[in-house]
Amino acid sequence: MKAVVGISKRHIHITEETFKKLFGDIELEVRNYIGQPGQFASTSKIDLKWNDKIIEGVRIVGPYRKENQVELAASDAQQLGLEPPRRMSGDLEGSSPIILVGPLGEERLEKGVILAEGHVHLTNKQGKELDVITGDLVQVLKDDKVMIEVQARVDDNSALEVHIDTDEAEELGIEAFEELEIAKCGK
């Protein structure tokens, strides 16, 4: 099965409460829709701060979430002096702290920074075709060579897409929107 690669740059998923604290009484606006249904890159950006280090202009990805989550590449975390765990999105227990800086102030998060685990989004039908369920490992192949193994995320509110971060893409020589083969590990 072929899947398009989406290269995930550093970004934040934000709660409505945190957004309002940092930006005031405005709405999160769509800049452009991204690969997964209903998700979008917003027009809003924030700065990430830890100790005396800062990364400016980090894009907020909408819609609002139930928890704040900052997804970084390892090189971003190193720049901030953080050592966040590599995790699947939403697994934030024991993750790294950060300070979010917006036009109206700051919000210190006690947890929320992760290095996003590589994964592939599949619909239930595609998961059945590949014989995988959420959490199974899937190989991503280029020219019949296994480039990386990622976890499957099977859900009917998905579009077929492999997600890796900027560091992984650079290390593996994979380009955004490249179409690669995926296969269940061990098949």
N, C-alpha and C. Protein backbone atom coordinates (compact mmCIF):
# COMPACT_ATOMS: atom_id res chain seq x y z
N MET A 1 0.85 -1.18 0.00
CA MET A 1 0.00 0.00 0.00
C MET A 1 0.89 1.24 0.00
N LYS A 2 0.53 2.23 -0.80
CA LYS A 2 1.29 3.47 -0.88
C LYS A 2 0.68 4.51 0.06
N ALA A 3 1.56 5.31 0.69
CA ALA A 3 1.12 6.39 1.58
C ALA A 3 2.00 7.61 1.37
N VAL A 4 1.41 8.77 1.44
CA VAL A 4 2.13 10.03 1.33
C VAL A 4 2.78 10.35 2.67
N VAL A 5 3.96 10.97 2.63
CA VAL A 5 4.68 11.35 3.85
C VAL A 5 4.37 12.81 4.19
N GLY A 6 3.98 13.01 5.43
CA GLY A 6 3.81 14.35 5.98
C GLY A 6 4.94 14.59 6.97
N ILE A 7 5.73 15.62 6.75
CA ILE A 7 6.84 15.92 7.66
C ILE A 7 6.36 16.96 8.65
N SER A 8 6.39 16.56 9.90
CA SER A 8 5.84 17.39 10.97
C SER A 8 6.90 18.33 11.53
N LYS A 9 6.67 19.63 11.31
CA LYS A 9 7.53 20.65 11.91
C LYS A 9 7.06 20.89 13.34
N ARG A 10 7.92 21.52 14.16
CA ARG A 10 7.52 21.83 15.53
C ARG A 10 6.22 22.61 15.52
N HIS A 11 5.33 22.25 16.44
CA HIS A 11 4.03 22.91 16.52
C HIS A 11 3.42 22.66 17.89
N ILE A 12 2.32 23.36 18.15
CA ILE A 12 1.61 23.18 19.42
C ILE A 12 0.13 22.95 19.15
N HIS A 13 -0.44 22.03 19.92
CA HIS A 13 -1.89 21.85 20.02
C HIS A 13 -2.27 22.54 21.32
N ILE A 14 -3.32 23.36 21.30
CA ILE A 14 -3.59 24.23 22.43
C ILE A 14 -5.05 24.13 22.89
N THR A 15 -5.26 24.34 24.18
CA THR A 15 -6.63 24.40 24.69
C THR A 15 -7.19 25.78 24.41
N GLU A 16 -8.50 25.89 24.37
CA GLU A 16 -9.13 27.19 24.17
C GLU A 16 -8.79 28.14 25.31
N GLU A 17 -8.77 27.61 26.53
CA GLU A 17 -8.45 28.42 27.71
C GLU A 17 -7.05 29.03 27.61
N THR A 18 -6.06 28.23 27.25
CA THR A 18 -4.69 28.73 27.11
C THR A 18 -4.60 29.74 25.96
N PHE A 19 -5.26 29.44 24.85
CA PHE A 19 -5.24 30.36 23.71
C PHE A 19 -5.78 31.72 24.12
N LYS A 20 -6.92 31.74 24.81
CA LYS A 20 -7.54 33.01 25.23
C LYS A 20 -6.63 33.77 26.19
N LYS A 21 -5.93 33.05 27.07
CA LYS A 21 -5.01 33.70 28.00
C LYS A 21 -3.86 34.38 27.24
N LEU A 22 -3.36 33.73 26.20
CA LEU A 22 -2.21 34.25 25.46
C LEU A 22 -2.59 35.26 24.37
N PHE A 23 -3.82 35.16 23.83
CA PHE A 23 -4.21 35.99 22.69
C PHE A 23 -5.42 36.89 22.94
N GLY A 24 -6.13 36.67 24.03
CA GLY A 24 -7.32 37.47 24.30
C GLY A 24 -8.56 36.88 23.65
N ASP A 25 -9.57 37.70 23.52
CA ASP A 25 -10.88 37.23 23.05
C ASP A 25 -10.98 37.24 21.53
N ILE A 26 -10.11 36.46 20.90
CA ILE A 26 -10.18 36.26 19.45
C ILE A 26 -10.31 34.76 19.20
N GLU A 27 -10.60 34.41 17.99
CA GLU A 27 -10.75 32.99 17.64
C GLU A 27 -9.48 32.47 16.94
N LEU A 28 -9.27 31.18 17.06
CA LEU A 28 -8.21 30.50 16.34
C LEU A 28 -8.62 30.44 14.87
N GLU A 29 -7.85 31.09 14.00
CA GLU A 29 -8.20 31.18 12.58
C GLU A 29 -7.42 30.20 11.73
N VAL A 30 -8.07 29.70 10.70
CA VAL A 30 -7.46 28.76 9.76
C VAL A 30 -6.55 29.51 8.79
N ARG A 31 -5.29 29.07 8.71
CA ARG A 31 -4.41 29.54 7.64
C ARG A 31 -4.56 28.61 6.46
N ASN A 32 -4.41 27.29 6.73
CA ASN A 32 -4.64 26.27 5.70
C ASN A 32 -4.91 24.94 6.39
N TYR A 33 -5.69 24.12 5.70
CA TYR A 33 -5.97 22.78 6.21
C TYR A 33 -4.78 21.88 5.91
N ILE A 34 -4.55 20.92 6.81
CA ILE A 34 -3.43 19.99 6.65
C ILE A 34 -3.97 18.58 6.40
N GLY A 35 -3.11 17.59 6.34
CA GLY A 35 -3.45 16.25 5.87
C GLY A 35 -4.57 15.52 6.56
N GLN A 36 -4.75 15.69 7.86
CA GLN A 36 -5.77 14.94 8.58
C GLN A 36 -7.09 15.71 8.62
N PRO A 37 -8.21 15.03 8.42
CA PRO A 37 -9.51 15.71 8.35
C PRO A 37 -9.77 16.61 9.55
N GLY A 38 -10.18 17.86 9.27
CA GLY A 38 -10.55 18.81 10.30
C GLY A 38 -9.40 19.53 10.96
N GLN A 39 -8.16 19.13 10.70
CA GLN A 39 -7.01 19.77 11.32
C GLN A 39 -6.46 20.86 10.40
N PHE A 40 -5.92 21.92 11.03
CA PHE A 40 -5.44 23.04 10.25
C PHE A 40 -4.27 23.74 10.92
N ALA A 41 -3.43 24.34 10.09
CA ALA A 41 -2.40 25.25 10.59
C ALA A 41 -3.10 26.59 10.77
N SER A 42 -2.98 27.16 11.96
CA SER A 42 -3.65 28.43 12.24
C SER A 42 -2.77 29.60 11.82
N THR A 43 -3.34 30.78 11.88
CA THR A 43 -2.58 32.00 11.60
C THR A 43 -1.78 32.42 12.83
N SER A 44 -2.04 31.80 13.98
CA SER A 44 -1.41 32.20 15.25
C SER A 44 -0.13 31.42 15.53
N LYS A 45 0.85 32.15 16.05
CA LYS A 45 2.12 31.55 16.46
C LYS A 45 2.45 32.02 17.88
N ILE A 46 3.22 31.19 18.58
CA ILE A 46 3.70 31.55 19.91
C ILE A 46 5.20 31.29 19.98
N ASP A 47 5.81 31.77 21.04
CA ASP A 47 7.21 31.48 21.31
C ASP A 47 7.28 30.43 22.41
N LEU A 48 8.29 29.57 22.33
CA LEU A 48 8.55 28.57 23.37
C LEU A 48 9.78 29.01 24.14
N LYS A 49 9.69 28.95 25.46
CA LYS A 49 10.80 29.43 26.28
C LYS A 49 11.10 28.40 27.36
N TRP A 50 12.40 28.20 27.59
CA TRP A 50 12.83 27.38 28.71
C TRP A 50 14.17 27.93 29.19
N ASN A 51 14.22 28.27 30.47
CA ASN A 51 15.38 28.94 31.05
C ASN A 51 15.68 30.19 30.22
N ASP A 52 16.86 30.34 29.71
CA ASP A 52 17.19 31.55 28.94
C ASP A 52 17.15 31.30 27.43
N LYS A 53 16.55 30.18 27.03
CA LYS A 53 16.51 29.83 25.61
C LYS A 53 15.09 30.00 25.07
N ILE A 54 15.00 30.34 23.77
CA ILE A 54 13.69 30.60 23.17
C ILE A 54 13.67 30.14 21.71
N ILE A 55 12.54 29.60 21.28
CA ILE A 55 12.27 29.33 19.87
C ILE A 55 11.05 30.17 19.53
N GLU A 56 11.21 31.05 18.57
CA GLU A 56 10.15 31.99 18.20
C GLU A 56 9.28 31.44 17.07
N GLY A 57 8.04 31.90 17.06
CA GLY A 57 7.15 31.68 15.93
C GLY A 57 6.71 30.25 15.70
N VAL A 58 6.31 29.55 16.76
CA VAL A 58 5.86 28.16 16.62
C VAL A 58 4.37 28.15 16.30
N ARG A 59 4.02 27.51 15.23
CA ARG A 59 2.65 27.50 14.72
C ARG A 59 1.72 26.71 15.64
N ILE A 60 0.51 27.24 15.83
CA ILE A 60 -0.55 26.53 16.55
C ILE A 60 -1.35 25.75 15.52
N VAL A 61 -1.58 24.46 15.81
CA VAL A 61 -2.38 23.60 14.95
C VAL A 61 -3.74 23.40 15.62
N GLY A 62 -4.80 23.66 14.88
CA GLY A 62 -6.15 23.52 15.41
C GLY A 62 -6.82 22.27 14.89
N PRO A 63 -8.00 21.99 15.41
CA PRO A 63 -8.78 22.81 16.34
C PRO A 63 -8.24 22.69 17.77
N TYR A 64 -8.93 23.38 18.70
CA TYR A 64 -8.53 23.30 20.10
C TYR A 64 -8.50 21.86 20.57
N ARG A 65 -7.64 21.59 21.54
CA ARG A 65 -7.53 20.26 22.15
C ARG A 65 -7.93 20.31 23.62
N LYS A 66 -8.05 19.14 24.23
CA LYS A 66 -8.38 19.05 25.65
C LYS A 66 -7.16 19.33 26.53
N GLU A 67 -5.96 19.10 25.97
CA GLU A 67 -4.71 19.36 26.68
C GLU A 67 -3.74 20.08 25.75
N ASN A 68 -2.88 20.89 26.35
CA ASN A 68 -1.81 21.54 25.59
C ASN A 68 -0.73 20.50 25.29
N GLN A 69 -0.25 20.49 24.05
CA GLN A 69 0.79 19.55 23.65
C GLN A 69 1.73 20.24 22.68
N VAL A 70 3.02 20.23 23.00
CA VAL A 70 4.04 20.79 22.13
C VAL A 70 4.81 19.63 21.52
N GLU A 71 4.87 19.59 20.18
CA GLU A 71 5.60 18.53 19.48
C GLU A 71 6.86 19.14 18.86
N LEU A 72 8.00 18.60 19.27
CA LEU A 72 9.29 19.08 18.81
C LEU A 72 10.07 17.97 18.14
N ALA A 73 11.04 18.35 17.32
CA ALA A 73 12.07 17.43 16.86
C ALA A 73 13.17 17.43 17.92
N ALA A 74 14.00 16.42 17.95
CA ALA A 74 15.07 16.32 18.95
C ALA A 74 16.00 17.54 18.90
N SER A 75 16.26 18.05 17.70
CA SER A 75 17.14 19.23 17.59
C SER A 75 16.50 20.46 18.22
N ASP A 76 15.17 20.59 18.13
CA ASP A 76 14.47 21.70 18.79
C ASP A 76 14.59 21.58 20.31
N ALA A 77 14.36 20.37 20.82
CA ALA A 77 14.44 20.14 22.26
C ALA A 77 15.84 20.46 22.77
N GLN A 78 16.85 20.04 22.02
CA GLN A 78 18.24 20.32 22.40
C GLN A 78 18.49 21.82 22.43
N GLN A 79 17.95 22.54 21.47
CA GLN A 79 18.09 24.00 21.42
C GLN A 79 17.52 24.66 22.68
N LEU A 80 16.44 24.09 23.22
CA LEU A 80 15.81 24.63 24.43
C LEU A 80 16.41 24.06 25.72
N GLY A 81 17.25 23.04 25.60
CA GLY A 81 17.82 22.41 26.78
C GLY A 81 16.85 21.46 27.46
N LEU A 82 15.94 20.87 26.70
CA LEU A 82 14.95 19.93 27.22
C LEU A 82 15.27 18.51 26.77
N GLU A 83 14.76 17.54 27.53
CA GLU A 83 14.89 16.13 27.16
C GLU A 83 13.52 15.46 27.22
N PRO A 84 12.62 15.84 26.32
CA PRO A 84 11.28 15.25 26.36
C PRO A 84 11.28 13.80 25.89
N PRO A 85 10.31 13.03 26.35
CA PRO A 85 10.20 11.64 25.91
C PRO A 85 9.66 11.56 24.48
N ARG A 86 9.99 10.47 23.79
CA ARG A 86 9.41 10.20 22.47
C ARG A 86 8.12 9.44 22.73
N ARG A 87 7.01 10.02 22.27
CA ARG A 87 5.69 9.47 22.60
C ARG A 87 4.72 9.63 21.44
N MET A 88 3.65 8.86 21.52
CA MET A 88 2.52 9.07 20.62
C MET A 88 1.75 10.29 21.11
N SER A 89 1.15 11.00 20.20
CA SER A 89 0.35 12.17 20.52
C SER A 89 -0.68 11.83 21.59
N GLY A 90 -0.80 12.71 22.57
CA GLY A 90 -1.78 12.53 23.64
C GLY A 90 -1.22 11.86 24.87
N ASP A 91 -0.08 11.19 24.78
CA ASP A 91 0.55 10.52 25.92
C ASP A 91 1.49 11.51 26.60
N LEU A 92 0.94 12.31 27.51
CA LEU A 92 1.69 13.43 28.06
C LEU A 92 2.17 13.24 29.49
N GLU A 93 1.75 12.17 30.15
CA GLU A 93 2.17 11.96 31.55
C GLU A 93 3.69 11.85 31.62
N GLY A 94 4.30 12.66 32.48
CA GLY A 94 5.75 12.63 32.64
C GLY A 94 6.51 13.32 31.52
N SER A 95 5.81 14.06 30.66
CA SER A 95 6.49 14.77 29.58
C SER A 95 7.10 16.06 30.12
N SER A 96 7.85 16.74 29.28
CA SER A 96 8.63 17.91 29.71
C SER A 96 7.78 19.17 29.87
N PRO A 97 8.21 20.05 30.77
CA PRO A 97 7.56 21.35 30.95
C PRO A 97 8.04 22.35 29.89
N ILE A 98 7.33 23.48 29.80
CA ILE A 98 7.69 24.53 28.85
C ILE A 98 6.94 25.81 29.25
N ILE A 99 7.42 26.94 28.77
CA ILE A 99 6.70 28.19 28.94
C ILE A 99 6.27 28.67 27.55
N LEU A 100 4.95 28.91 27.39
CA LEU A 100 4.39 29.42 26.16
C LEU A 100 4.31 30.94 26.27
N VAL A 101 4.75 31.65 25.25
CA VAL A 101 4.74 33.10 25.28
C VAL A 101 3.90 33.61 24.11
N GLY A 102 2.84 34.35 24.44
CA GLY A 102 1.97 34.93 23.44
C GLY A 102 1.96 36.44 23.56
N PRO A 103 1.18 37.11 22.73
CA PRO A 103 1.16 38.58 22.76
C PRO A 103 0.65 39.17 24.07
N LEU A 104 -0.15 38.41 24.85
CA LEU A 104 -0.71 38.95 26.09
C LEU A 104 -0.11 38.36 27.35
N GLY A 105 0.93 37.54 27.22
CA GLY A 105 1.54 36.99 28.43
C GLY A 105 2.13 35.62 28.23
N GLU A 106 2.35 34.96 29.36
CA GLU A 106 2.99 33.64 29.37
C GLU A 106 2.11 32.63 30.10
N GLU A 107 2.30 31.37 29.74
CA GLU A 107 1.65 30.25 30.43
C GLU A 107 2.70 29.17 30.62
N ARG A 108 2.95 28.81 31.87
CA ARG A 108 3.90 27.73 32.16
C ARG A 108 3.15 26.41 32.19
N LEU A 109 3.61 25.47 31.39
CA LEU A 109 3.04 24.13 31.39
C LEU A 109 3.96 23.22 32.18
N GLU A 110 3.42 22.48 33.11
CA GLU A 110 4.22 21.54 33.89
C GLU A 110 4.53 20.27 33.12
N LYS A 111 3.76 20.01 32.08
CA LYS A 111 3.98 18.87 31.17
C LYS A 111 3.42 19.25 29.82
N GLY A 112 3.77 18.48 28.80
CA GLY A 112 3.19 18.71 27.48
C GLY A 112 4.13 18.65 26.31
N VAL A 113 5.46 18.69 26.57
CA VAL A 113 6.41 18.64 25.46
C VAL A 113 6.81 17.20 25.18
N ILE A 114 6.66 16.78 23.92
CA ILE A 114 7.07 15.44 23.50
C ILE A 114 7.82 15.52 22.17
N LEU A 115 8.58 14.47 21.91
CA LEU A 115 9.09 14.20 20.57
C LEU A 115 8.06 13.24 19.99
N ALA A 116 7.37 13.64 18.95
CA ALA A 116 6.28 12.82 18.43
C ALA A 116 6.82 11.54 17.79
N GLU A 117 6.25 10.43 18.21
CA GLU A 117 6.60 9.12 17.66
C GLU A 117 6.11 9.06 16.21
N GLY A 118 6.95 8.54 15.32
CA GLY A 118 6.52 8.37 13.94
C GLY A 118 5.31 7.45 13.87
N HIS A 119 4.39 7.75 12.98
CA HIS A 119 3.17 6.95 12.89
C HIS A 119 2.58 7.06 11.48
N VAL A 120 1.63 6.18 11.21
CA VAL A 120 0.90 6.22 9.95
C VAL A 120 -0.59 6.21 10.29
N HIS A 121 -1.32 7.17 9.71
CA HIS A 121 -2.77 7.23 9.87
C HIS A 121 -3.41 6.37 8.78
N LEU A 122 -4.37 5.53 9.21
CA LEU A 122 -5.11 4.68 8.28
C LEU A 122 -6.58 4.67 8.67
N THR A 123 -7.47 4.52 7.69
CA THR A 123 -8.88 4.30 7.99
C THR A 123 -9.04 2.85 8.46
N ASN A 124 -10.20 2.52 8.99
CA ASN A 124 -10.46 1.13 9.41
C ASN A 124 -10.34 0.17 8.23
N LYS A 125 -10.84 0.58 7.06
CA LYS A 125 -10.76 -0.26 5.86
C LYS A 125 -9.30 -0.49 5.47
N GLN A 126 -8.49 0.55 5.49
CA GLN A 126 -7.07 0.42 5.15
C GLN A 126 -6.34 -0.44 6.18
N GLY A 127 -6.69 -0.28 7.45
CA GLY A 127 -6.11 -1.12 8.50
C GLY A 127 -6.40 -2.59 8.26
N LYS A 128 -7.63 -2.90 7.85
CA LYS A 128 -7.99 -4.30 7.55
C LYS A 128 -7.20 -4.81 6.35
N GLU A 129 -7.08 -3.97 5.31
CA GLU A 129 -6.31 -4.37 4.12
C GLU A 129 -4.86 -4.69 4.47
N LEU A 130 -4.29 -3.91 5.38
CA LEU A 130 -2.88 -4.09 5.77
C LEU A 130 -2.75 -5.08 6.93
N ASP A 131 -3.90 -5.48 7.51
CA ASP A 131 -3.95 -6.38 8.66
C ASP A 131 -3.24 -5.77 9.88
N VAL A 132 -3.56 -4.50 10.17
CA VAL A 132 -2.99 -3.82 11.33
C VAL A 132 -4.10 -3.14 12.13
N ILE A 133 -3.85 -2.99 13.42
CA ILE A 133 -4.70 -2.21 14.31
C ILE A 133 -3.84 -1.15 14.97
N THR A 134 -4.47 -0.21 15.62
CA THR A 134 -3.73 0.86 16.31
C THR A 134 -2.68 0.25 17.23
N GLY A 135 -1.46 0.76 17.12
CA GLY A 135 -0.35 0.30 17.95
C GLY A 135 0.57 -0.70 17.25
N ASP A 136 0.08 -1.37 16.19
CA ASP A 136 0.94 -2.29 15.44
C ASP A 136 2.05 -1.51 14.74
N LEU A 137 3.18 -2.16 14.52
CA LEU A 137 4.27 -1.53 13.79
C LEU A 137 4.12 -1.75 12.29
N VAL A 138 4.41 -0.68 11.56
CA VAL A 138 4.33 -0.69 10.11
C VAL A 138 5.68 -0.23 9.56
N GLN A 139 6.15 -0.92 8.52
CA GLN A 139 7.39 -0.53 7.86
C GLN A 139 7.10 0.50 6.78
N VAL A 140 7.99 1.48 6.67
CA VAL A 140 7.92 2.46 5.58
C VAL A 140 9.10 2.15 4.68
N LEU A 141 8.81 1.83 3.41
CA LEU A 141 9.85 1.39 2.48
C LEU A 141 10.02 2.37 1.33
N LYS A 142 11.29 2.54 0.94
CA LYS A 142 11.64 3.35 -0.23
C LYS A 142 12.56 2.49 -1.09
N ASP A 143 12.17 2.30 -2.34
CA ASP A 143 12.94 1.44 -3.25
C ASP A 143 13.20 0.07 -2.62
N ASP A 144 12.16 -0.50 -2.01
CA ASP A 144 12.18 -1.82 -1.37
C ASP A 144 13.10 -1.91 -0.15
N LYS A 145 13.56 -0.79 0.35
CA LYS A 145 14.41 -0.77 1.54
C LYS A 145 13.61 -0.17 2.71
N VAL A 146 13.63 -0.85 3.86
CA VAL A 146 12.92 -0.34 5.04
C VAL A 146 13.65 0.90 5.54
N MET A 147 12.94 2.01 5.56
CA MET A 147 13.52 3.28 6.01
C MET A 147 13.30 3.50 7.50
N ILE A 148 12.10 3.14 7.98
CA ILE A 148 11.73 3.38 9.36
C ILE A 148 10.52 2.51 9.69
N GLU A 149 10.38 2.17 10.96
CA GLU A 149 9.17 1.50 11.43
C GLU A 149 8.40 2.51 12.28
N VAL A 150 7.08 2.58 12.04
CA VAL A 150 6.22 3.53 12.74
C VAL A 150 4.99 2.79 13.26
N GLN A 151 4.30 3.42 14.21
CA GLN A 151 3.08 2.82 14.75
C GLN A 151 1.88 3.16 13.87
N ALA A 152 0.96 2.21 13.79
CA ALA A 152 -0.30 2.44 13.07
C ALA A 152 -1.28 3.16 13.99
N ARG A 153 -2.01 4.10 13.42
CA ARG A 153 -3.14 4.78 14.10
C ARG A 153 -4.33 4.59 13.18
N VAL A 154 -5.20 3.67 13.57
CA VAL A 154 -6.33 3.28 12.73
C VAL A 154 -7.60 3.92 13.28
N ASP A 155 -8.27 4.69 12.40
CA ASP A 155 -9.44 5.45 12.81
C ASP A 155 -10.14 5.94 11.55
N ASP A 156 -11.45 5.87 11.53
CA ASP A 156 -12.16 6.32 10.32
C ASP A 156 -12.13 7.83 10.13
N ASN A 157 -11.66 8.58 11.12
CA ASN A 157 -11.50 10.02 10.95
C ASN A 157 -10.05 10.33 10.59
N SER A 158 -9.48 9.52 9.69
CA SER A 158 -8.08 9.65 9.28
C SER A 158 -7.98 9.70 7.77
N ALA A 159 -6.85 10.22 7.31
CA ALA A 159 -6.48 10.14 5.90
C ALA A 159 -5.14 9.43 5.86
N LEU A 160 -4.95 8.54 4.89
CA LEU A 160 -3.73 7.75 4.78
C LEU A 160 -2.52 8.66 4.64
N GLU A 161 -1.66 8.64 5.66
CA GLU A 161 -0.50 9.53 5.67
C GLU A 161 0.50 9.06 6.73
N VAL A 162 1.78 9.04 6.37
CA VAL A 162 2.86 8.75 7.29
C VAL A 162 3.33 10.07 7.89
N HIS A 163 3.50 10.12 9.21
CA HIS A 163 4.01 11.32 9.88
C HIS A 163 5.36 11.03 10.53
N ILE A 164 6.37 11.79 10.13
CA ILE A 164 7.68 11.76 10.79
C ILE A 164 8.09 13.21 11.00
N ASP A 165 9.06 13.43 11.89
CA ASP A 165 9.46 14.81 12.15
C ASP A 165 10.60 15.24 11.22
N THR A 166 10.95 16.51 11.32
CA THR A 166 11.95 17.09 10.41
C THR A 166 13.31 16.42 10.55
N ASP A 167 13.71 16.09 11.78
CA ASP A 167 15.01 15.44 11.98
C ASP A 167 15.03 14.05 11.32
N GLU A 168 13.95 13.28 11.52
CA GLU A 168 13.88 11.94 10.93
C GLU A 168 13.90 12.02 9.41
N ALA A 169 13.14 12.95 8.85
CA ALA A 169 13.09 13.10 7.39
C ALA A 169 14.47 13.42 6.83
N GLU A 170 15.17 14.34 7.48
CA GLU A 170 16.50 14.72 7.02
C GLU A 170 17.47 13.53 7.12
N GLU A 171 17.43 12.84 8.25
CA GLU A 171 18.32 11.70 8.46
C GLU A 171 18.08 10.60 7.44
N LEU A 172 16.80 10.38 7.07
CA LEU A 172 16.44 9.29 6.16
C LEU A 172 16.43 9.70 4.69
N GLY A 173 16.55 11.01 4.43
CA GLY A 173 16.49 11.48 3.05
C GLY A 173 15.10 11.36 2.44
N ILE A 174 14.09 11.57 3.27
CA ILE A 174 12.70 11.50 2.81
C ILE A 174 12.15 12.91 2.65
N GLU A 175 11.46 13.15 1.54
CA GLU A 175 10.89 14.47 1.23
C GLU A 175 9.41 14.52 1.61
N ALA A 176 8.94 15.71 1.94
CA ALA A 176 7.50 15.91 2.19
C ALA A 176 6.72 15.55 0.94
N PHE A 177 5.60 14.92 1.13
CA PHE A 177 4.66 14.51 0.08
C PHE A 177 5.19 13.38 -0.80
N GLU A 178 6.33 12.82 -0.43
CA GLU A 178 6.84 11.66 -1.16
C GLU A 178 5.88 10.49 -0.92
N GLU A 179 5.67 9.69 -1.93
CA GLU A 179 4.78 8.54 -1.81
C GLU A 179 5.65 7.30 -1.60
N LEU A 180 5.47 6.64 -0.46
CA LEU A 180 6.27 5.47 -0.12
C LEU A 180 5.38 4.29 0.17
N GLU A 181 5.97 3.12 0.08
CA GLU A 181 5.25 1.88 0.36
C GLU A 181 5.19 1.65 1.87
N ILE A 182 4.07 1.14 2.37
CA ILE A 182 3.98 0.74 3.77
C ILE A 182 3.54 -0.72 3.82
N ALA A 183 4.04 -1.43 4.83
CA ALA A 183 3.69 -2.84 4.99
C ALA A 183 3.75 -3.20 6.48
N LYS A 184 2.92 -4.14 6.87
CA LYS A 184 2.92 -4.61 8.25
C LYS A 184 4.28 -5.25 8.55
N CYS A 185 4.82 -4.97 9.71
CA CYS A 185 6.11 -5.59 10.08
C CYS A 185 5.95 -7.10 10.15
N GLY A 186 6.95 -7.79 9.63
CA GLY A 186 6.94 -9.24 9.67
C GLY A 186 6.22 -9.88 8.49
N LYS A 187 5.77 -9.09 7.53
CA LYS A 187 5.09 -9.67 6.36
C LYS A 187 5.94 -9.55 5.13
